[in-house]
Amino acid sequence: MSVNLIFKIAAVGILVSVLSQVLKHSGREEQAFLTSLAGLLLVLFWIVPYIYDLFESMKRLFSL
């Protein structure tokens, strides 16, 4: 896992939180929820390959 990925996740978190707060204060709670959901899905798509590699390495480790 690179440091670049951690910075991208942090940037998405900051952006989503700011957008969510702006949308909530303007009375658009549904759009705020969808923005948070989109940010979560984006980060999950970035993280899933690393989780897959983790499980593959664990499988190789215990198949000795």
N, C-alpha and C. Protein backbone atom coordinates (compact mmCIF):
# COMPACT_ATOMS: atom_id res chain seq x y z
N MET A 1 0.85 -1.17 0.00
CA MET A 1 0.00 0.00 0.00
C MET A 1 0.90 1.23 0.00
N SER A 2 0.63 2.11 -0.89
CA SER A 2 1.47 3.30 -1.01
C SER A 2 0.89 4.46 -0.20
N VAL A 3 1.74 5.41 0.06
CA VAL A 3 1.31 6.60 0.80
C VAL A 3 0.37 7.43 -0.07
N ASN A 4 0.53 7.34 -1.37
CA ASN A 4 -0.32 8.08 -2.29
C ASN A 4 -1.79 7.68 -2.11
N LEU A 5 -2.04 6.39 -1.91
CA LEU A 5 -3.41 5.92 -1.70
C LEU A 5 -3.99 6.48 -0.42
N ILE A 6 -3.19 6.56 0.62
CA ILE A 6 -3.67 7.11 1.89
C ILE A 6 -4.03 8.58 1.73
N PHE A 7 -3.22 9.32 0.99
CA PHE A 7 -3.54 10.74 0.75
C PHE A 7 -4.80 10.90 -0.09
N LYS A 8 -5.00 10.00 -1.07
CA LYS A 8 -6.23 10.08 -1.87
C LYS A 8 -7.46 9.78 -1.03
N ILE A 9 -7.35 8.81 -0.13
CA ILE A 9 -8.48 8.48 0.74
C ILE A 9 -8.78 9.65 1.67
N ALA A 10 -7.74 10.27 2.20
CA ALA A 10 -7.94 11.43 3.08
C ALA A 10 -8.58 12.59 2.32
N ALA A 11 -8.15 12.81 1.09
CA ALA A 11 -8.73 13.90 0.29
C ALA A 11 -10.20 13.64 0.00
N VAL A 12 -10.54 12.40 -0.33
CA VAL A 12 -11.95 12.07 -0.57
C VAL A 12 -12.75 12.26 0.71
N GLY A 13 -12.21 11.87 1.85
CA GLY A 13 -12.91 12.04 3.11
C GLY A 13 -13.19 13.50 3.43
N ILE A 14 -12.18 14.33 3.23
CA ILE A 14 -12.36 15.77 3.49
C ILE A 14 -13.38 16.37 2.53
N LEU A 15 -13.27 16.04 1.26
CA LEU A 15 -14.20 16.58 0.26
C LEU A 15 -15.63 16.13 0.53
N VAL A 16 -15.80 14.86 0.85
CA VAL A 16 -17.15 14.35 1.11
C VAL A 16 -17.74 14.98 2.37
N SER A 17 -16.94 15.16 3.40
CA SER A 17 -17.48 15.76 4.62
C SER A 17 -17.89 17.21 4.40
N VAL A 18 -17.09 17.95 3.65
CA VAL A 18 -17.45 19.35 3.36
C VAL A 18 -18.72 19.43 2.52
N LEU A 19 -18.79 18.61 1.46
CA LEU A 19 -19.99 18.61 0.63
C LEU A 19 -21.22 18.16 1.41
N SER A 20 -21.05 17.19 2.27
CA SER A 20 -22.17 16.70 3.06
C SER A 20 -22.69 17.78 4.00
N GLN A 21 -21.79 18.49 4.64
CA GLN A 21 -22.22 19.56 5.55
C GLN A 21 -22.92 20.70 4.80
N VAL A 22 -22.40 21.06 3.65
CA VAL A 22 -23.04 22.12 2.85
C VAL A 22 -24.43 21.69 2.42
N LEU A 23 -24.55 20.44 1.96
CA LEU A 23 -25.86 19.96 1.52
C LEU A 23 -26.84 19.83 2.68
N LYS A 24 -26.38 19.41 3.84
CA LYS A 24 -27.27 19.29 4.99
C LYS A 24 -27.77 20.65 5.45
N HIS A 25 -26.91 21.64 5.43
CA HIS A 25 -27.33 22.98 5.87
C HIS A 25 -28.25 23.66 4.87
N SER A 26 -28.21 23.21 3.63
CA SER A 26 -29.12 23.78 2.64
C SER A 26 -30.42 22.99 2.54
N GLY A 27 -30.56 21.98 3.40
CA GLY A 27 -31.82 21.23 3.43
C GLY A 27 -31.90 20.08 2.45
N ARG A 28 -30.80 19.61 1.95
CA ARG A 28 -30.79 18.51 0.99
C ARG A 28 -30.12 17.28 1.62
N GLU A 29 -30.82 16.70 2.57
CA GLU A 29 -30.25 15.58 3.30
C GLU A 29 -30.07 14.35 2.41
N GLU A 30 -30.98 14.17 1.44
CA GLU A 30 -30.88 13.00 0.56
C GLU A 30 -29.62 13.07 -0.32
N GLN A 31 -29.35 14.24 -0.86
CA GLN A 31 -28.14 14.40 -1.67
C GLN A 31 -26.88 14.26 -0.81
N ALA A 32 -26.95 14.71 0.44
CA ALA A 32 -25.81 14.55 1.35
C ALA A 32 -25.53 13.08 1.61
N PHE A 33 -26.60 12.31 1.81
CA PHE A 33 -26.43 10.87 2.02
C PHE A 33 -25.85 10.21 0.78
N LEU A 34 -26.33 10.57 -0.40
CA LEU A 34 -25.82 9.98 -1.63
C LEU A 34 -24.37 10.36 -1.89
N THR A 35 -23.99 11.57 -1.49
CA THR A 35 -22.60 11.99 -1.62
C THR A 35 -21.70 11.16 -0.71
N SER A 36 -22.15 10.94 0.51
CA SER A 36 -21.37 10.11 1.44
C SER A 36 -21.27 8.68 0.92
N LEU A 37 -22.34 8.17 0.39
CA LEU A 37 -22.34 6.81 -0.16
C LEU A 37 -21.41 6.69 -1.36
N ALA A 38 -21.41 7.69 -2.21
CA ALA A 38 -20.52 7.68 -3.38
C ALA A 38 -19.05 7.73 -2.95
N GLY A 39 -18.74 8.53 -1.94
CA GLY A 39 -17.37 8.58 -1.44
C GLY A 39 -16.94 7.25 -0.84
N LEU A 40 -17.84 6.62 -0.11
CA LEU A 40 -17.53 5.31 0.47
C LEU A 40 -17.29 4.27 -0.61
N LEU A 41 -18.12 4.25 -1.63
CA LEU A 41 -17.94 3.29 -2.72
C LEU A 41 -16.65 3.53 -3.49
N LEU A 42 -16.31 4.77 -3.69
CA LEU A 42 -15.06 5.09 -4.39
C LEU A 42 -13.85 4.57 -3.62
N VAL A 43 -13.85 4.80 -2.32
CA VAL A 43 -12.74 4.32 -1.50
C VAL A 43 -12.71 2.80 -1.45
N LEU A 44 -13.87 2.17 -1.39
CA LEU A 44 -13.91 0.71 -1.39
C LEU A 44 -13.36 0.12 -2.68
N PHE A 45 -13.64 0.76 -3.80
CA PHE A 45 -13.10 0.27 -5.07
C PHE A 45 -11.58 0.41 -5.10
N TRP A 46 -11.04 1.39 -4.42
CA TRP A 46 -9.58 1.53 -4.35
C TRP A 46 -8.96 0.49 -3.42
N ILE A 47 -9.69 0.11 -2.36
CA ILE A 47 -9.14 -0.76 -1.32
C ILE A 47 -9.29 -2.25 -1.65
N VAL A 48 -10.30 -2.62 -2.41
CA VAL A 48 -10.60 -4.04 -2.67
C VAL A 48 -9.41 -4.80 -3.25
N PRO A 49 -8.63 -4.29 -4.20
CA PRO A 49 -7.48 -5.07 -4.67
C PRO A 49 -6.45 -5.36 -3.58
N TYR A 50 -6.26 -4.44 -2.65
CA TYR A 50 -5.32 -4.68 -1.56
C TYR A 50 -5.84 -5.75 -0.61
N ILE A 51 -7.14 -5.76 -0.37
CA ILE A 51 -7.73 -6.80 0.47
C ILE A 51 -7.60 -8.16 -0.21
N TYR A 52 -7.81 -8.19 -1.52
CA TYR A 52 -7.65 -9.44 -2.26
C TYR A 52 -6.22 -9.95 -2.17
N ASP A 53 -5.26 -9.07 -2.32
CA ASP A 53 -3.85 -9.46 -2.19
C ASP A 53 -3.54 -9.97 -0.78
N LEU A 54 -4.14 -9.36 0.22
CA LEU A 54 -3.94 -9.81 1.60
C LEU A 54 -4.45 -11.24 1.77
N PHE A 55 -5.65 -11.53 1.28
CA PHE A 55 -6.18 -12.88 1.42
C PHE A 55 -5.38 -13.89 0.61
N GLU A 56 -4.90 -13.50 -0.55
CA GLU A 56 -4.08 -14.41 -1.35
C GLU A 56 -2.76 -14.71 -0.65
N SER A 57 -2.15 -13.72 -0.05
CA SER A 57 -0.90 -13.96 0.66
C SER A 57 -1.13 -14.80 1.91
N MET A 58 -2.27 -14.62 2.58
CA MET A 58 -2.59 -15.47 3.73
C MET A 58 -2.82 -16.90 3.30
N LYS A 59 -3.46 -17.07 2.15
CA LYS A 59 -3.70 -18.42 1.64
C LYS A 59 -2.39 -19.11 1.30
N ARG A 60 -1.47 -18.37 0.66
CA ARG A 60 -0.15 -18.94 0.34
C ARG A 60 0.64 -19.24 1.59
N LEU A 61 0.51 -18.40 2.60
CA LEU A 61 1.26 -18.59 3.83
C LEU A 61 0.83 -19.86 4.55
N PHE A 62 -0.47 -20.12 4.61
CA PHE A 62 -0.95 -21.27 5.35
C PHE A 62 -1.06 -22.53 4.51
N SER A 63 -0.71 -22.48 3.27
CA SER A 63 -0.72 -23.69 2.44
C SER A 63 0.65 -24.33 2.36
N LEU A 64 1.50 -24.06 3.33
CA LEU A 64 2.82 -24.67 3.38
C LEU A 64 2.64 -26.10 3.68
